[in-house]
Each structure stands twice: as C-alpha cells, then as structure tokens.
C-alpha cells in the first residue's frame, strides 16, 4: 500500500511542478504598461501614415491638393482607432 502512496505523492509533486511552470510562463506573457502603450501608439501612427501617404498620392495623381489628404487622413484615423478597438477586445477576451 505504501508503494502506491509513494507513487501517488511523486505524481502529485510532478503535477504541482508543471502547474507552477505553466503559471510562470503565463505571468511572463502579460504585457507591461509601456509595451501596451507602444503597441497602441504604433497602431494609430501606422494607420495615419498610410492614410496620409495614400492621400498625397491621390492628390498628386488627380491634382486635388488638400481634398485627398484630408479624406484619407480621416480614413487613416478611423482605421487606427478600429485597430486599437480590436486589440482591446482581444486582450479583454484573454482575461
């Protein structure tokens, strides 16, 4: 009977060690505040840069100087905020 108890205790220790390692890995994957802020700001800035770039190209091609830039700046801002919203929903689902 003691042989079974010994094996059972060893198995419980192994399971406990694996659970501790799993918890450590999960805690390491959580983002820091600075990393999260950098990700959010990158999403917004990238969308704005793409919107402004497309706006400038459209303005040069169709010779409509401020209109394309304004319209695609607004589209870029909307796309940036939509990306931030998606990131926030993804993080909320993980918790």
C-alpha atoms as a PDB file:
ATOM      1  CA  UNK A   1       0.000   0.000   0.000  1.00  0.00           C
ATOM      2  CA  UNK A   2       2.854   2.391   0.778  1.00  0.00           C
ATOM      3  CA  UNK A   3       4.324   1.815  -2.682  1.00  0.00           C
ATOM      4  CA  UNK A   4       1.110   3.153  -4.272  1.00  0.00           C
ATOM      5  CA  UNK A   5       1.055   6.122  -1.902  1.00  0.00           C
ATOM      6  CA  UNK A   6       4.668   6.909  -2.739  1.00  0.00           C
ATOM      7  CA  UNK A   7       3.957   6.823  -6.481  1.00  0.00           C
ATOM      8  CA  UNK A   8       0.862   8.941  -5.959  1.00  0.00           C
ATOM      9  CA  UNK A   9       2.836  11.512  -3.972  1.00  0.00           C
ATOM     10  CA  UNK A  10       5.520  11.664  -6.670  1.00  0.00           C
ATOM     11  CA  UNK A  11       2.849  12.122  -9.319  1.00  0.00           C
ATOM     12  CA  UNK A  12       1.246  14.949  -7.319  1.00  0.00           C
ATOM     13  CA  UNK A  13       4.644  16.649  -6.964  1.00  0.00           C
ATOM     14  CA  UNK A  14       5.233  16.424 -10.726  1.00  0.00           C
ATOM     15  CA  UNK A  15       1.787  17.848 -11.454  1.00  0.00           C
ATOM     16  CA  UNK A  16       2.416  20.671  -8.980  1.00  0.00           C
ATOM     17  CA  UNK A  17       5.746  21.483 -10.607  1.00  0.00           C
ATOM     18  CA  UNK A  18       4.163  21.561 -14.067  1.00  0.00           C
ATOM     19  CA  UNK A  19       1.373  23.835 -12.824  1.00  0.00           C
ATOM     20  CA  UNK A  20       3.924  26.211 -11.292  1.00  0.00           C
ATOM     21  CA  UNK A  21       5.912  26.319 -14.528  1.00  0.00           C
ATOM     22  CA  UNK A  22       2.719  26.959 -16.502  1.00  0.00           C
ATOM     23  CA  UNK A  23       1.768  29.836 -14.187  1.00  0.00           C
ATOM     24  CA  UNK A  24       5.244  31.351 -14.551  1.00  0.00           C
ATOM     25  CA  UNK A  25       5.008  31.220 -18.348  1.00  0.00           C
ATOM     26  CA  UNK A  26       1.560  32.801 -18.296  1.00  0.00           C
ATOM     27  CA  UNK A  27       2.710  35.608 -15.996  1.00  0.00           C
ATOM     28  CA  UNK A  28       5.702  36.299 -18.275  1.00  0.00           C
ATOM     29  CA  UNK A  29       3.398  36.667 -21.287  1.00  0.00           C
ATOM     30  CA  UNK A  30       1.428  39.509 -19.699  1.00  0.00           C
ATOM     31  CA  UNK A  31       2.398  42.808 -21.231  1.00  0.00           C
ATOM     32  CA  UNK A  32       3.839  45.677 -19.299  1.00  0.00           C
ATOM     33  CA  UNK A  33       2.170  49.063 -19.392  1.00  0.00           C
ATOM     34  CA  UNK A  34       4.907  50.538 -21.552  1.00  0.00           C
ATOM     35  CA  UNK A  35       4.714  47.674 -24.044  1.00  0.00           C
ATOM     36  CA  UNK A  36       0.956  48.012 -24.274  1.00  0.00           C
ATOM     37  CA  UNK A  37       1.199  51.776 -24.801  1.00  0.00           C
ATOM     38  CA  UNK A  38       3.820  51.277 -27.500  1.00  0.00           C
ATOM     39  CA  UNK A  39       1.600  48.769 -29.303  1.00  0.00           C
ATOM     40  CA  UNK A  40      -1.420  51.093 -29.217  1.00  0.00           C
ATOM     41  CA  UNK A  41       0.544  54.145 -30.364  1.00  0.00           C
ATOM     42  CA  UNK A  42       2.136  52.121 -33.178  1.00  0.00           C
ATOM     43  CA  UNK A  43      -1.291  51.014 -34.402  1.00  0.00           C
ATOM     44  CA  UNK A  44      -2.571  54.585 -34.588  1.00  0.00           C
ATOM     45  CA  UNK A  45       0.581  56.111 -36.097  1.00  0.00           C
ATOM     46  CA  UNK A  46       0.913  53.404 -38.755  1.00  0.00           C
ATOM     47  CA  UNK A  47      -2.688  53.860 -39.871  1.00  0.00           C
ATOM     48  CA  UNK A  48      -2.272  57.644 -40.023  1.00  0.00           C
ATOM     49  CA  UNK A  49       0.961  57.389 -42.029  1.00  0.00           C
ATOM     50  CA  UNK A  50      -0.664  55.042 -44.544  1.00  0.00           C
ATOM     51  CA  UNK A  51      -3.731  57.303 -44.808  1.00  0.00           C
ATOM     52  CA  UNK A  52      -1.639  60.427 -45.358  1.00  0.00           C
ATOM     53  CA  UNK A  53       0.557  58.613 -47.895  1.00  0.00           C
ATOM     54  CA  UNK A  54      -2.432  57.454 -49.907  1.00  0.00           C
ATOM     55  CA  UNK A  55      -3.939  60.946 -49.661  1.00  0.00           C
ATOM     56  CA  UNK A  56      -0.779  62.548 -51.046  1.00  0.00           C
ATOM     57  CA  UNK A  57      -0.610  60.044 -53.905  1.00  0.00           C
ATOM     58  CA  UNK A  58      -4.276  60.648 -54.768  1.00  0.00           C
ATOM     59  CA  UNK A  59      -3.762  64.428 -54.646  1.00  0.00           C
ATOM     60  CA  UNK A  60      -0.749  64.257 -56.968  1.00  0.00           C
ATOM     61  CA  UNK A  61      -2.488  61.918 -59.397  1.00  0.00           C
ATOM     62  CA  UNK A  62      -5.813  63.780 -59.637  1.00  0.00           C
ATOM     63  CA  UNK A  63      -4.380  67.253 -58.886  1.00  0.00           C
ATOM     64  CA  UNK A  64      -6.776  67.853 -55.977  1.00  0.00           C
ATOM     65  CA  UNK A  65      -4.293  69.172 -53.433  1.00  0.00           C
ATOM     66  CA  UNK A  66      -5.943  69.264 -49.999  1.00  0.00           C
ATOM     67  CA  UNK A  67      -9.067  67.136 -50.533  1.00  0.00           C
ATOM     68  CA  UNK A  68      -7.465  63.683 -50.872  1.00  0.00           C
ATOM     69  CA  UNK A  69      -5.116  64.338 -47.976  1.00  0.00           C
ATOM     70  CA  UNK A  70      -7.964  65.360 -45.677  1.00  0.00           C
ATOM     71  CA  UNK A  71     -10.216  62.467 -46.660  1.00  0.00           C
ATOM     72  CA  UNK A  72      -7.538  59.797 -46.351  1.00  0.00           C
ATOM     73  CA  UNK A  73      -6.228  61.316 -43.109  1.00  0.00           C
ATOM     74  CA  UNK A  74      -9.718  60.827 -41.667  1.00  0.00           C
ATOM     75  CA  UNK A  75      -9.864  57.270 -43.054  1.00  0.00           C
ATOM     76  CA  UNK A  76      -6.441  56.551 -41.554  1.00  0.00           C
ATOM     77  CA  UNK A  77      -7.531  57.889 -38.160  1.00  0.00           C
ATOM     78  CA  UNK A  78     -10.665  55.749 -38.249  1.00  0.00           C
ATOM     79  CA  UNK A  79      -8.645  52.679 -39.242  1.00  0.00           C
ATOM     80  CA  UNK A  80      -6.171  53.341 -36.421  1.00  0.00           C
ATOM     81  CA  UNK A  81      -8.909  53.581 -33.813  1.00  0.00           C
ATOM     82  CA  UNK A  82     -10.587  50.475 -35.222  1.00  0.00           C
ATOM     83  CA  UNK A  83      -7.291  48.587 -34.838  1.00  0.00           C
ATOM     84  CA  UNK A  84      -6.962  49.807 -31.247  1.00  0.00           C
ATOM     85  CA  UNK A  85     -10.535  48.657 -30.560  1.00  0.00           C
ATOM     86  CA  UNK A  86      -9.724  45.210 -31.962  1.00  0.00           C
ATOM     87  CA  UNK A  87      -6.579  44.937 -29.832  1.00  0.00           C
ATOM     88  CA  UNK A  88      -8.539  45.935 -26.725  1.00  0.00           C
ATOM     89  CA  UNK A  89     -11.223  43.329 -27.431  1.00  0.00           C
ATOM     90  CA  UNK A  90      -8.587  40.633 -27.955  1.00  0.00           C
ATOM     91  CA  UNK A  91      -6.923  41.498 -24.641  1.00  0.00           C
ATOM     92  CA  UNK A  92     -10.290  41.572 -22.878  1.00  0.00           C
ATOM     93  CA  UNK A  93     -11.119  38.083 -24.166  1.00  0.00           C
ATOM     94  CA  UNK A  94      -7.802  36.721 -22.854  1.00  0.00           C
ATOM     95  CA  UNK A  95      -8.587  37.780 -19.291  1.00  0.00           C
END
